[in-house]
Amino acid sequence: MAQSVSDFVWNRLAEWGLSRVYGYPGDGVGGLDEALQRAQDKIRYVQVRHEEMAAFMASAHAKFTGEVGLCYATSGPGAIHLLNGLYDAKMDHVPVVAIVGQQARSAIGAHYQQEVDLVSLFKDVASEFVAMGTVPSQVRQLIDRAVRIAATRRTVTCVILPNDLQGLPYEDPPLKHGTTHTGVGHPAPALLPVEAQLRHAAEILNSGSKVAMLVGAGALHATDEVIAVAEKLQAGIAKALLGKAAVPDDLPFVTGSLGLLGTKPSWDMMKSCDTFLMVGSCFPYSEFLPKPGTARGVQIDLDPTMTSLRYPMELSLIGDSATTLRALLPMLEQKPAGDWRRTIERDVASWWKTLEERAMQPADPINPQRIFWELSPRLPERCIMTGDSGSVANWYARDIKMRRGMKGSLSGSLASLGAATPYALSAKMAFPDRVVIGFIGDGAMQMNGLNVMITVSKYWKEWADPRFIIMVLNNQDLNQVTWEERVQLGMGKTPLTQSIPDMPYHRYAELLGLKGIEVRTPDRIASAWDEALSADRPVILNIHADPNVPPLPPHITLKDAKNFVTMTISEPELGSVLKNTAREVLAGVLPGSKE
């Protein structure tokens, strides 16, 4: 029996090495649904509860595995739902292919039910390649080009298949004018800059006496090379948030995250360096980088369009970060130990003490920093962590000590609310033998986290290690925006928009056959983490936290200070805000202070 177009699609994707697809059925993909049942020995199907989650999971799959992510959705509303997760992949430069259904070819243009101009709809998010199939002999090149372009350009591509086309017998394109014949596979990108450029980079780096490095997601596979270069240059290493796992935080010269969620040692290092090496990052905030003209800059990146974008680099090297750093290393001169590195290490050691002091400050009922601080030494080896957008990202960025072998990610450039749970589930599906921990605020949990936990309940018994923990930071406030209103706008909290209802998330877990744990006092945090990490099934950890503990930036500008003072005029929770802010500011300045 001849295979249908839909059978060919899944078989061809399997030939490309894609082995898992996240999706939701519908009549616009009816042929693909049926064919997927026949192809389940080649393509593992994960049924989500909402198409947005499918796209987030495909994005996370690409981030955690380095492979091409794959999702599919039906026509009309199903296709529309994919967009947010696909933009997450596009903006963080990871490869994802979306397969989307459409109404019958004869109905297109007739204002038919669920008919949406999908080529136009996807033209921005899949700007490198979006196309609709019209005849069976065209489908091979559509699938091949979609995967090849996504993989080589690290972007989103989309193939649209009308539902009547899906059921037709598949045909290879005939050998005649007007057809094209594609194959599976793609060349590896050029990974190494020419020697002259490497020597120029070495000259710049060797001439500096105070070298600062910033590494991002493009350096996640280059841990040894980054450390070796830092040791030779006696440099400190700051990390963009997507690169948190690139180098372990237990190294004394790793200053931690940079930016609004970053650390004071990272800020101080960037503002004091005379040489700046940026590896595999498109870090967005120029104000946290050296002042232009104060430091000579070298950048390493695979994408030429992302070079000299945030800082006017003297030289940009186009290549793979690990390969380029290995080639550069013999050309670098060993710098002697000196005041620059000693200052960085002293600042880092002092900063970790400050974080502990801040975490242990009292709050009503729980200081959110302490939740992360208590977890950090308990993290299992090789665990995978996901963070959501919101105040949880602050504490994940600062208070979690990432060790070698761990993974972590979140929605970076898009910073979409609600990504932590689909990211966590995708990580667990790709690595079922590893412990996965997701950090999410109650706003994001109500938005779509509850939905993903139903999917968790469907699949968790298949996992080699059942440990999967979602920690809900329950403060009944859309907290990050509240603090942005206070500091950036000089306004008090607006309860009308910011306050959200409480919910017993731990009981919801029990309804799904999972484990629920509630924490209302700080002395229960440690034992709750121990209980969750030893559970025989997935856990929702519902921790009630104080929304008025400030996520202090690494550097407070005069404008921020003025806005904070202005905010006090209209702040409805002024007493709590002022008390917690005073405690956090004084922590580390007055060690041991609890008031």
Protein backbone atom coordinates (compact mmCIF):
# COMPACT_ATOMS: atom_id res chain seq x y z
CA MET A 1 0.00 0.00 0.00
CA ALA A 2 1.41 3.41 -0.98
CA GLN A 3 2.15 5.76 1.88
CA SER A 4 0.07 8.88 2.22
CA VAL A 5 1.48 12.38 2.32
CA SER A 6 1.03 12.33 6.10
CA ASP A 7 2.90 9.03 6.42
CA PHE A 8 5.71 10.49 4.36
CA VAL A 9 5.92 13.60 6.57
CA TRP A 10 6.53 11.63 9.78
CA ASN A 11 8.85 9.13 8.08
CA ARG A 12 10.88 11.92 6.54
CA LEU A 13 11.16 13.81 9.81
CA ALA A 14 12.40 10.59 11.43
CA GLU A 15 15.02 10.27 8.69
CA TRP A 16 16.26 13.69 9.73
CA GLY A 17 16.69 12.39 13.28
CA LEU A 18 13.67 14.10 14.81
CA SER A 19 12.19 11.65 17.28
CA ARG A 20 9.66 13.58 19.38
CA VAL A 21 6.77 15.88 18.46
CA TYR A 22 4.63 17.99 20.76
CA GLY A 23 1.13 18.70 19.55
CA TYR A 24 -2.65 18.63 19.77
CA PRO A 25 -5.08 17.07 17.28
CA GLY A 26 -7.78 18.63 15.14
CA ASP A 27 -9.60 18.15 11.86
CA GLY A 28 -7.10 20.39 10.12
CA VAL A 29 -4.41 17.78 10.82
CA GLY A 30 -6.63 14.68 10.75
CA GLY A 31 -4.42 12.88 8.25
CA LEU A 32 -1.32 13.68 10.28
CA ASP A 33 -3.04 12.44 13.45
CA GLU A 34 -3.81 9.06 11.89
CA ALA A 35 -0.35 8.73 10.37
CA LEU A 36 1.29 9.56 13.67
CA GLN A 37 -0.45 6.57 15.19
CA ARG A 38 1.20 4.41 12.52
CA ALA A 39 4.59 6.09 13.00
CA GLN A 40 4.80 5.85 16.79
CA ASP A 41 7.79 3.50 16.60
CA LYS A 42 9.70 6.34 14.87
CA ILE A 43 8.23 9.54 16.29
CA ARG A 44 7.24 9.85 19.94
CA TYR A 45 4.07 11.94 20.29
CA VAL A 46 3.52 14.04 23.41
CA GLN A 47 -0.07 15.23 23.68
CA VAL A 48 -0.23 18.65 25.29
CA ARG A 49 -3.30 20.47 26.63
CA HIS A 50 -2.78 23.63 24.58
CA GLU A 51 -0.81 24.34 21.42
CA GLU A 52 1.17 27.17 23.01
CA MET A 53 2.64 24.58 25.35
CA ALA A 54 3.60 22.43 22.37
CA ALA A 55 5.65 25.25 20.91
CA PHE A 56 7.28 26.06 24.26
CA MET A 57 8.18 22.39 24.67
CA ALA A 58 9.68 22.26 21.19
CA SER A 59 11.73 25.36 22.01
CA ALA A 60 12.91 23.87 25.31
CA HIS A 61 13.73 20.57 23.59
CA ALA A 62 16.05 22.45 21.24
CA LYS A 63 17.66 24.33 24.14
CA PHE A 64 18.26 21.29 26.34
CA THR A 65 19.27 18.76 23.66
CA GLY A 66 20.81 20.85 20.87
CA GLU A 67 18.47 19.09 18.42
CA VAL A 68 15.73 20.53 16.22
CA GLY A 69 12.48 20.90 18.15
CA LEU A 70 9.23 19.79 16.53
CA CYS A 71 5.60 20.77 17.15
CA TYR A 72 2.34 20.59 15.21
CA ALA A 73 -1.13 22.06 15.40
CA THR A 74 -4.40 22.13 13.53
CA SER A 75 -5.66 24.95 11.33
CA GLY A 76 -7.06 28.28 12.52
CA PRO A 77 -6.98 28.68 16.31
CA GLY A 78 -4.57 25.78 16.82
CA ALA A 79 -2.04 27.39 14.52
CA ILE A 80 -2.51 30.77 16.15
CA HIS A 81 -1.87 29.28 19.59
CA LEU A 82 1.61 28.13 18.53
CA LEU A 83 2.91 31.64 17.96
CA ASN A 84 4.06 32.64 21.44
CA GLY A 85 6.20 29.55 21.97
CA LEU A 86 7.59 29.85 18.45
CA TYR A 87 8.62 33.43 19.08
CA ASP A 88 10.42 32.20 22.18
CA ALA A 89 12.48 29.87 19.97
CA LYS A 90 13.08 32.52 17.31
CA MET A 91 14.24 35.18 19.74
CA ASP A 92 16.56 32.78 21.58
CA HIS A 93 17.99 31.44 18.30
CA VAL A 94 17.07 27.77 18.64
CA PRO A 95 15.84 25.53 15.80
CA VAL A 96 12.17 24.55 15.75
CA VAL A 97 9.99 23.18 12.94
CA ALA A 98 6.23 23.74 13.10
CA ILE A 99 3.88 21.56 11.05
CA VAL A 100 0.48 23.24 10.70
CA GLY A 101 -2.80 22.11 9.19
CA GLN A 102 -5.04 24.14 6.87
CA GLN A 103 -8.51 23.82 5.37
CA ALA A 104 -8.96 22.00 2.07
CA ARG A 105 -7.26 23.59 -0.91
CA SER A 106 -10.56 24.12 -2.72
CA ALA A 107 -11.91 26.14 0.26
CA ILE A 108 -8.96 28.50 0.59
CA GLY A 109 -10.07 32.03 -0.22
CA ALA A 110 -13.74 31.28 0.43
CA HIS A 111 -13.89 32.67 3.99
CA TYR A 112 -14.26 29.07 5.18
CA GLN A 113 -14.52 28.02 8.81
CA GLN A 114 -11.13 28.22 10.56
CA GLU A 115 -9.52 29.51 7.38
CA VAL A 116 -6.67 31.83 8.29
CA ASP A 117 -3.99 33.18 5.95
CA LEU A 118 -1.32 31.07 7.64
CA VAL A 119 1.51 32.00 5.29
CA SER A 120 1.04 35.64 6.26
CA LEU A 121 0.47 34.76 9.91
CA PHE A 122 3.75 32.85 10.21
CA LYS A 123 5.77 35.11 7.91
CA ASP A 124 7.46 36.95 10.77
CA VAL A 125 8.09 34.17 13.27
CA ALA A 126 9.19 31.79 10.48
CA SER A 127 10.71 34.48 8.28
CA GLU A 128 13.51 32.21 7.02
CA PHE A 129 11.07 29.61 5.66
CA VAL A 130 7.30 29.24 5.62
CA ALA A 131 5.47 27.50 2.76
CA MET A 132 2.21 25.71 2.06
CA GLY A 133 1.99 22.39 0.27
CA THR A 134 -0.30 22.14 -2.76
CA VAL A 135 0.62 18.79 -4.40
CA PRO A 136 2.10 15.55 -2.99
CA SER A 137 5.32 15.79 -5.02
CA GLN A 138 6.14 19.12 -3.35
CA VAL A 139 6.09 17.82 0.23
CA ARG A 140 9.56 16.26 0.24
CA GLN A 141 11.31 19.53 -0.47
CA LEU A 142 9.12 21.39 2.04
CA ILE A 143 10.07 19.07 4.89
CA ASP A 144 13.73 18.91 3.86
CA ARG A 145 14.10 22.66 3.58
CA ALA A 146 12.21 23.31 6.79
CA VAL A 147 14.51 21.07 8.84
CA ARG A 148 17.71 22.11 7.05
CA ILE A 149 17.04 25.83 7.41
CA ALA A 150 15.92 25.53 11.04
CA ALA A 151 19.04 23.55 11.94
CA THR A 152 21.62 25.61 10.08
CA ARG A 153 20.21 29.05 10.79
CA ARG A 154 19.01 28.21 14.32
CA THR A 155 15.54 29.58 13.73
CA VAL A 156 11.86 28.70 13.32
CA THR A 157 10.44 27.28 10.10
CA CYS A 158 6.89 26.29 9.22
CA VAL A 159 5.24 23.88 6.78
CA ILE A 160 1.49 24.28 6.16
CA LEU A 161 -0.40 21.24 4.89
CA PRO A 162 -4.06 21.49 3.77
CA ASN A 163 -6.11 18.64 5.22
CA ASP A 164 -7.14 17.19 1.86
CA LEU A 165 -3.49 17.05 0.77
CA GLN A 166 -2.56 15.05 3.89
CA GLY A 167 -4.56 12.00 2.81
CA LEU A 168 -3.42 11.81 -0.81
CA PRO A 169 -0.92 9.15 -1.92
CA TYR A 170 2.61 10.49 -1.66
CA GLU A 171 4.59 10.92 -4.90
CA ASP A 172 8.27 11.70 -5.37
CA PRO A 173 8.74 14.70 -7.65
CA PRO A 174 9.11 13.73 -11.31
CA LEU A 175 12.39 14.43 -13.05
CA LYS A 176 11.28 17.33 -15.23
CA HIS A 177 11.44 21.09 -15.45
CA GLY A 178 9.69 22.86 -12.59
CA THR A 179 10.51 20.30 -9.88
CA THR A 180 13.26 20.09 -7.30
CA HIS A 181 14.91 17.05 -5.69
CA THR A 182 16.12 17.41 -2.12
CA GLY A 183 17.94 15.10 0.27
CA VAL A 184 18.41 14.55 4.00
CA GLY A 185 21.32 16.11 5.84
CA HIS A 186 23.03 19.46 6.05
CA PRO A 187 26.65 20.60 6.17
CA ALA A 188 28.14 21.67 9.46
CA PRO A 189 28.66 25.42 9.69
CA ALA A 190 32.11 26.92 9.37
CA LEU A 191 33.33 26.59 12.95
CA LEU A 192 36.75 28.23 12.95
CA PRO A 193 37.88 31.77 12.06
CA VAL A 194 41.00 32.19 9.91
CA GLU A 195 44.34 32.19 11.70
CA ALA A 196 45.03 35.88 11.08
CA GLN A 197 41.84 36.82 12.93
CA LEU A 198 42.70 34.49 15.80
CA ARG A 199 46.13 36.10 16.13
CA HIS A 200 44.58 39.56 16.09
CA ALA A 201 42.19 38.49 18.85
CA ALA A 202 45.09 37.09 20.86
CA GLU A 203 46.98 40.38 20.50
CA ILE A 204 44.02 42.31 21.91
CA LEU A 205 43.49 39.90 24.80
CA ASN A 206 47.18 39.61 25.62
CA SER A 207 47.55 43.38 25.82
CA GLY A 208 44.90 43.77 28.52
CA SER A 209 45.61 43.68 32.24
CA LYS A 210 41.98 43.53 33.44
CA VAL A 211 40.06 41.06 31.27
CA ALA A 212 36.33 40.44 31.78
CA MET A 213 34.44 37.64 30.05
CA LEU A 214 30.71 37.36 29.39
CA VAL A 215 29.38 33.98 28.26
CA GLY A 216 25.90 33.02 27.07
CA ALA A 217 23.92 30.11 25.69
CA GLY A 218 26.37 29.77 22.81
CA ALA A 219 29.02 28.69 25.32
CA LEU A 220 26.99 25.97 27.06
CA HIS A 221 29.03 23.27 25.30
CA ALA A 222 32.34 25.07 25.84
CA THR A 223 32.73 24.89 29.63
CA ASP A 224 36.31 23.57 29.64
CA GLU A 225 37.44 26.00 26.96
CA VAL A 226 35.91 29.01 28.72
CA ILE A 227 37.57 28.08 32.01
CA ALA A 228 40.94 27.46 30.34
CA VAL A 229 40.89 30.86 28.62
CA ALA A 230 39.84 32.59 31.84
CA GLU A 231 42.71 30.94 33.72
CA LYS A 232 45.25 31.97 31.10
CA LEU A 233 44.00 35.55 30.96
CA GLN A 234 43.31 35.70 34.73
CA ALA A 235 39.87 36.91 33.78
CA GLY A 236 36.61 36.91 35.66
CA ILE A 237 33.54 35.30 34.05
CA ALA A 238 30.06 36.81 34.11
CA LYS A 239 27.09 34.97 32.65
CA ALA A 240 24.04 35.96 30.64
CA LEU A 241 20.96 34.29 32.08
CA LEU A 242 20.65 31.72 29.28
CA GLY A 243 24.30 30.86 29.90
CA LYS A 244 23.92 30.22 33.63
CA ALA A 245 24.94 26.57 33.16
CA ALA A 246 27.94 27.39 30.94
CA VAL A 247 30.37 27.54 33.86
CA PRO A 248 29.82 26.37 37.44
CA ASP A 249 29.16 28.95 40.15
CA ASP A 250 31.53 27.27 42.60
CA LEU A 251 34.56 28.65 40.76
CA PRO A 252 35.88 31.66 42.73
CA PHE A 253 36.29 33.87 39.64
CA VAL A 254 32.75 33.32 38.29
CA THR A 255 30.86 36.49 39.16
CA GLY A 256 27.40 35.14 38.31
CA SER A 257 24.64 36.69 36.25
CA LEU A 258 24.86 40.09 34.60
CA GLY A 259 22.05 42.57 34.17
CA LEU A 260 18.91 43.56 36.03
CA LEU A 261 18.84 40.10 37.64
CA GLY A 262 22.61 40.05 38.05
CA THR A 263 25.19 40.44 40.76
CA LYS A 264 27.27 43.32 42.08
CA PRO A 265 30.58 41.55 41.29
CA SER A 266 29.49 41.24 37.64
CA TRP A 267 28.56 44.92 37.53
CA ASP A 268 31.82 46.02 39.16
CA MET A 269 33.94 43.83 36.89
CA MET A 270 32.34 45.14 33.71
CA LYS A 271 32.73 48.75 34.79
CA SER A 272 36.41 48.29 35.73
CA CYS A 273 37.81 46.06 32.95
CA ASP A 274 40.11 47.24 30.17
CA THR A 275 39.45 44.23 27.89
CA PHE A 276 36.13 42.54 27.18
CA LEU A 277 35.66 39.05 25.71
CA MET A 278 32.05 38.11 24.89
CA VAL A 279 31.35 34.48 23.94
CA GLY A 280 28.09 33.10 22.55
CA SER A 281 25.76 35.75 23.88
CA CYS A 282 23.37 38.42 22.59
CA PHE A 283 22.99 39.94 26.06
CA PRO A 284 20.47 42.76 25.59
CA TYR A 285 21.34 45.49 28.11
CA SER A 286 24.22 47.69 26.97
CA GLU A 287 24.18 49.75 30.18
CA PHE A 288 25.59 46.77 32.10
CA LEU A 289 28.56 46.37 29.73
CA PRO A 290 31.76 48.44 29.79
CA LYS A 291 31.38 52.06 28.78
CA PRO A 292 32.22 52.26 25.06
CA GLY A 293 35.82 53.29 24.59
CA THR A 294 36.98 52.08 27.99
CA ALA A 295 37.68 48.47 26.99
CA ARG A 296 38.97 46.76 23.87
CA GLY A 297 36.38 44.20 22.77
CA VAL A 298 36.51 40.75 21.18
CA GLN A 299 33.36 38.75 20.43
CA ILE A 300 32.88 35.11 19.39
CA ASP A 301 29.57 34.10 17.84
CA LEU A 302 28.17 31.78 15.17
CA ASP A 303 25.88 34.48 13.80
CA PRO A 304 27.56 37.47 12.12
CA THR A 305 24.40 39.55 12.48
CA MET A 306 24.64 39.39 16.29
CA THR A 307 28.18 40.78 16.51
CA SER A 308 29.13 44.28 17.69
CA LEU A 309 25.44 44.79 18.47
CA ARG A 310 25.53 45.67 22.19
CA TYR A 311 29.14 46.88 22.42
CA PRO A 312 31.40 48.32 19.68
CA MET A 313 33.78 45.38 19.37
CA GLU A 314 37.26 45.86 17.97
CA LEU A 315 37.16 42.36 16.49
CA SER A 316 34.42 39.77 15.98
CA LEU A 317 35.25 36.11 15.35
CA ILE A 318 32.63 34.05 13.54
CA GLY A 319 32.78 30.47 14.72
CA ASP A 320 31.74 27.84 17.23
CA SER A 321 32.69 28.96 20.72
CA ALA A 322 34.43 25.75 21.83
CA THR A 323 36.34 25.29 18.57
CA THR A 324 37.37 28.93 18.40
CA LEU A 325 38.50 29.11 22.04
CA ARG A 326 40.55 25.91 21.63
CA ALA A 327 42.32 27.40 18.62
CA LEU A 328 42.84 30.71 20.41
CA LEU A 329 44.19 29.22 23.63
CA PRO A 330 47.80 28.45 22.46
CA MET A 331 48.11 32.03 21.19
CA LEU A 332 47.28 33.53 24.58
CA GLU A 333 50.03 34.47 27.01
CA GLN A 334 49.76 33.22 30.57
CA LYS A 335 49.06 36.24 32.74
CA PRO A 336 50.45 36.16 36.28
CA ALA A 337 48.16 36.15 39.27
CA GLY A 338 47.52 39.74 40.25
CA ASP A 339 45.27 42.26 41.92
CA TRP A 340 42.61 42.06 39.19
CA ARG A 341 41.80 38.40 39.77
CA ARG A 342 42.24 38.69 43.53
CA THR A 343 39.77 41.58 43.63
CA ILE A 344 37.23 39.60 41.61
CA GLU A 345 37.56 36.56 43.86
CA ARG A 346 37.27 38.68 47.01
CA ASP A 347 34.16 40.39 45.64
CA VAL A 348 32.58 37.05 44.68
CA ALA A 349 33.21 35.54 48.12
CA SER A 350 31.75 38.62 49.80
CA TRP A 351 28.73 38.56 47.48
CA TRP A 352 27.80 34.99 48.38
CA LYS A 353 27.85 36.03 52.05
CA THR A 354 25.64 39.01 51.25
CA LEU A 355 23.16 36.74 49.45
CA GLU A 356 23.01 34.45 52.46
CA GLU A 357 22.43 37.41 54.78
CA ARG A 358 19.64 38.66 52.53
CA ALA A 359 18.05 35.21 52.25
CA MET A 360 17.93 34.79 56.01
CA GLN A 361 16.19 38.07 56.69
CA PRO A 362 12.69 37.64 58.15
CA ALA A 363 9.64 38.31 56.01
CA ASP A 364 5.90 37.77 56.14
CA PRO A 365 5.53 34.84 55.96
CA ILE A 366 8.64 33.70 54.03
CA ASN A 367 11.54 35.48 52.36
CA PRO A 368 11.48 34.20 48.75
CA GLN A 369 15.28 34.25 48.51
CA ARG A 370 15.54 31.70 51.30
CA ILE A 371 13.49 29.20 49.28
CA PHE A 372 16.22 29.14 46.62
CA TRP A 373 19.11 29.45 49.06
CA GLU A 374 17.94 26.39 51.00
CA LEU A 375 17.53 24.37 47.79
CA SER A 376 20.90 25.20 46.27
CA PRO A 377 23.09 22.83 48.38
CA ARG A 378 20.44 20.11 48.05
CA LEU A 379 20.39 20.10 44.24
CA PRO A 380 20.92 16.57 42.88
CA GLU A 381 23.81 15.98 40.50
CA ARG A 382 22.95 16.54 36.82
CA CYS A 383 19.57 18.03 37.68
CA ILE A 384 17.79 20.31 35.21
CA MET A 385 16.16 23.57 36.31
CA THR A 386 13.71 25.85 34.55
CA GLY A 387 12.66 29.33 35.57
CA ASP A 388 9.69 31.46 34.69
CA SER A 389 9.59 35.15 33.95
CA GLY A 390 8.78 37.16 37.03
CA SER A 391 10.41 37.55 40.41
CA VAL A 392 11.39 33.86 40.51
CA ALA A 393 13.90 34.62 37.75
CA ASN A 394 15.73 37.01 40.11
CA TRP A 395 16.23 34.40 42.79
CA TYR A 396 17.06 31.63 40.30
CA ALA A 397 19.66 33.88 38.68
CA ARG A 398 21.35 34.89 41.94
CA ASP A 399 20.77 32.35 44.68
CA ILE A 400 21.14 29.05 42.82
CA LYS A 401 24.74 27.79 42.63
CA MET A 402 24.93 25.96 39.34
CA ARG A 403 27.34 23.02 39.45
CA ARG A 404 29.07 21.28 36.56
CA GLY A 405 26.77 18.85 34.74
CA MET A 406 23.56 20.69 35.59
CA LYS A 407 21.31 22.34 33.01
CA GLY A 408 19.02 25.33 33.28
CA SER A 409 17.00 27.53 30.98
CA LEU A 410 14.04 29.87 30.63
CA SER A 411 12.38 32.16 28.11
CA GLY A 412 15.21 34.59 27.50
CA SER A 413 14.72 37.34 24.95
CA LEU A 414 10.92 36.97 24.83
CA ALA A 415 10.71 36.60 28.63
CA SER A 416 7.28 35.06 28.29
CA LEU A 417 5.23 34.34 31.36
CA GLY A 418 4.28 30.69 31.74
CA ALA A 419 7.27 28.97 30.15
CA ALA A 420 8.68 27.20 33.23
CA THR A 421 6.30 24.24 33.31
CA PRO A 422 6.37 23.35 29.58
CA TYR A 423 10.16 23.78 29.68
CA ALA A 424 10.36 21.45 32.67
CA LEU A 425 8.17 18.80 31.05
CA SER A 426 10.16 18.96 27.82
CA ALA A 427 13.38 18.52 29.79
CA LYS A 428 11.93 15.50 31.56
CA MET A 429 10.73 13.90 28.33
CA ALA A 430 14.20 14.32 26.82
CA PHE A 431 16.06 13.22 29.99
CA PRO A 432 13.67 10.95 31.95
CA ASP A 433 16.47 9.75 34.24
CA ARG A 434 17.34 13.23 35.55
CA VAL A 435 15.68 15.25 38.31
CA VAL A 436 13.85 18.29 36.93
CA ILE A 437 12.88 21.31 39.04
CA GLY A 438 10.77 24.19 37.76
CA PHE A 439 10.41 27.56 39.48
CA ILE A 440 7.21 29.45 38.73
CA GLY A 441 5.22 32.32 40.18
CA ASP A 442 1.56 31.92 41.06
CA GLY A 443 0.52 34.22 38.21
CA ALA A 444 2.24 32.04 35.62
CA MET A 445 0.98 28.89 37.34
CA GLN A 446 -2.59 30.12 37.00
CA MET A 447 -1.98 31.21 33.40
CA ASN A 448 -0.93 27.81 32.07
CA GLY A 449 1.09 25.90 34.65
CA LEU A 450 -1.97 24.06 35.93
CA ASN A 451 -2.71 22.92 32.39
CA VAL A 452 0.79 21.41 31.98
CA MET A 453 0.48 19.46 35.22
CA ILE A 454 -2.36 17.47 33.63
CA THR A 455 0.08 16.45 30.92
CA VAL A 456 2.60 15.52 33.61
CA SER A 457 -0.02 13.27 35.21
CA LYS A 458 -0.50 11.52 31.86
CA TYR A 459 3.16 10.63 31.30
CA TRP A 460 5.08 10.54 34.59
CA LYS A 461 4.81 6.79 35.19
CA GLU A 462 6.91 6.22 32.07
CA TRP A 463 9.93 8.08 33.49
CA ALA A 464 13.00 6.24 34.76
CA ASP A 465 13.22 8.70 37.68
CA PRO A 466 9.82 10.07 38.77
CA ARG A 467 11.27 13.13 40.54
CA PHE A 468 9.77 16.23 38.96
CA ILE A 469 9.16 19.28 41.14
CA ILE A 470 7.29 22.47 40.37
CA MET A 471 7.83 25.08 43.07
CA VAL A 472 5.07 27.70 43.06
CA LEU A 473 6.08 31.03 44.60
CA ASN A 474 2.70 31.91 46.07
CA ASN A 475 2.56 35.62 46.88
CA GLN A 476 -0.84 36.50 45.32
CA ASP A 477 0.83 39.27 43.36
CA LEU A 478 2.11 39.71 39.81
CA ASN A 479 5.28 40.57 41.61
CA GLN A 480 7.84 41.48 38.96
CA VAL A 481 5.50 44.01 37.36
CA THR A 482 4.62 45.39 40.79
CA TRP A 483 8.30 46.08 41.48
CA GLU A 484 8.75 47.52 38.00
CA GLU A 485 5.90 49.93 38.75
CA ARG A 486 7.58 50.91 42.00
CA VAL A 487 11.13 51.37 40.74
CA GLN A 488 10.83 52.17 37.03
CA LEU A 489 7.61 54.20 37.08
CA GLY A 490 7.72 55.66 40.58
CA MET A 491 4.20 54.37 41.31
CA GLY A 492 2.82 52.32 44.15
CA LYS A 493 1.37 48.88 43.66
CA THR A 494 -1.96 48.88 41.78
CA PRO A 495 -3.99 46.10 43.45
CA LEU A 496 -6.65 46.23 40.74
CA THR A 497 -4.22 44.79 38.16
CA GLN A 498 -1.58 43.15 40.35
CA SER A 499 -3.44 41.15 42.99
CA ILE A 500 -4.41 37.60 42.04
CA PRO A 501 -6.47 34.96 43.87
CA ASP A 502 -4.94 32.37 46.15
CA MET A 503 -5.27 28.72 45.24
CA PRO A 504 -4.29 25.46 47.02
CA TYR A 505 -1.82 24.31 44.38
CA HIS A 506 -0.73 21.40 46.57
CA ARG A 507 -4.29 20.08 46.65
CA TYR A 508 -4.55 20.41 42.89
CA ALA A 509 -1.51 18.12 42.67
CA GLU A 510 -3.33 15.54 44.78
CA LEU A 511 -6.38 15.70 42.50
CA LEU A 512 -4.07 14.64 39.66
CA GLY A 513 -2.58 11.76 41.62
CA LEU A 514 0.63 13.68 42.25
CA LYS A 515 2.15 14.83 45.54
CA GLY A 516 1.37 18.22 47.06
CA ILE A 517 3.37 20.00 49.74
CA GLU A 518 2.43 23.31 51.37
CA VAL A 519 4.90 25.56 53.21
CA ARG A 520 3.84 28.54 55.32
CA THR A 521 6.79 29.03 57.69
CA PRO A 522 10.52 29.45 56.98
CA ASP A 523 11.55 26.62 59.30
CA ARG A 524 9.66 24.20 57.02
CA ILE A 525 11.51 25.12 53.79
CA ALA A 526 14.47 22.76 54.14
CA SER A 527 12.44 19.70 55.11
CA ALA A 528 9.93 20.43 52.33
CA TRP A 529 12.71 20.40 49.73
CA ASP A 530 14.03 17.13 51.20
CA GLU A 531 10.54 15.63 51.04
CA ALA A 532 10.02 16.74 47.45
CA LEU A 533 13.43 15.47 46.33
CA SER A 534 12.73 12.03 47.78
CA ALA A 535 9.16 11.70 46.49
CA ASP A 536 8.07 8.74 44.39
CA ARG A 537 6.03 10.92 42.03
CA PRO A 538 5.93 14.50 40.68
CA VAL A 539 5.40 17.23 43.25
CA ILE A 540 3.82 20.68 43.37
CA LEU A 541 5.50 22.60 46.17
CA ASN A 542 3.23 25.47 47.23
CA ILE A 543 5.31 28.01 49.19
CA HIS A 544 3.68 31.14 50.56
CA ALA A 545 6.10 34.04 50.15
CA ASP A 546 6.25 37.73 50.95
CA PRO A 547 5.67 39.82 47.80
CA ASN A 548 7.34 42.87 49.32
CA VAL A 549 10.91 41.59 49.48
CA PRO A 550 12.69 43.70 46.85
CA PRO A 551 14.68 42.11 44.01
CA LEU A 552 17.44 44.68 44.43
CA PRO A 553 19.35 45.47 41.23
CA PRO A 554 23.16 45.18 41.32
CA HIS A 555 23.44 48.94 40.92
CA ILE A 556 20.85 51.48 42.02
CA THR A 557 20.72 54.51 39.75
CA LEU A 558 19.73 57.98 40.89
CA LYS A 559 16.59 57.68 38.75
CA ASP A 560 15.63 54.40 40.47
CA ALA A 561 16.17 55.97 43.88
CA LYS A 562 14.02 58.99 42.99
CA ASN A 563 11.25 56.74 41.64
CA PHE A 564 11.32 54.67 44.80
CA VAL A 565 10.89 57.78 46.93
CA THR A 566 8.06 59.02 44.69
CA MET A 567 6.38 55.61 44.88
CA THR A 568 5.96 55.87 48.66
CA ILE A 569 3.26 58.51 48.19
CA SER A 570 0.84 56.03 46.58
CA GLU A 571 2.10 52.67 47.86
CA PRO A 572 -0.72 50.78 49.65
CA GLU A 573 1.69 48.35 51.35
CA LEU A 574 4.27 50.98 52.31
CA GLY A 575 5.21 49.69 55.76
CA SER A 576 6.06 46.20 54.53
CA VAL A 577 7.91 47.51 51.48
CA LEU A 578 10.09 49.91 53.49
CA LYS A 579 10.86 47.41 56.23
CA ASN A 580 11.87 44.63 53.80
CA THR A 581 13.89 47.01 51.63
CA ALA A 582 15.82 48.30 54.65
CA ARG A 583 16.57 44.74 55.76
CA GLU A 584 17.81 43.73 52.30
CA VAL A 585 19.97 46.82 51.84
CA LEU A 586 21.55 46.45 55.27
CA ALA A 587 22.15 42.69 54.90
CA GLY A 588 25.84 42.20 54.22
CA VAL A 589 26.59 45.77 55.27
CA LEU A 590 25.71 44.90 58.85
CA PRO A 591 26.31 41.10 59.02
CA GLY A 592 23.90 39.29 61.25
CA SER A 593 21.30 42.06 61.14
CA LYS A 594 17.72 40.79 61.37
CA GLU A 595 15.96 44.11 61.83
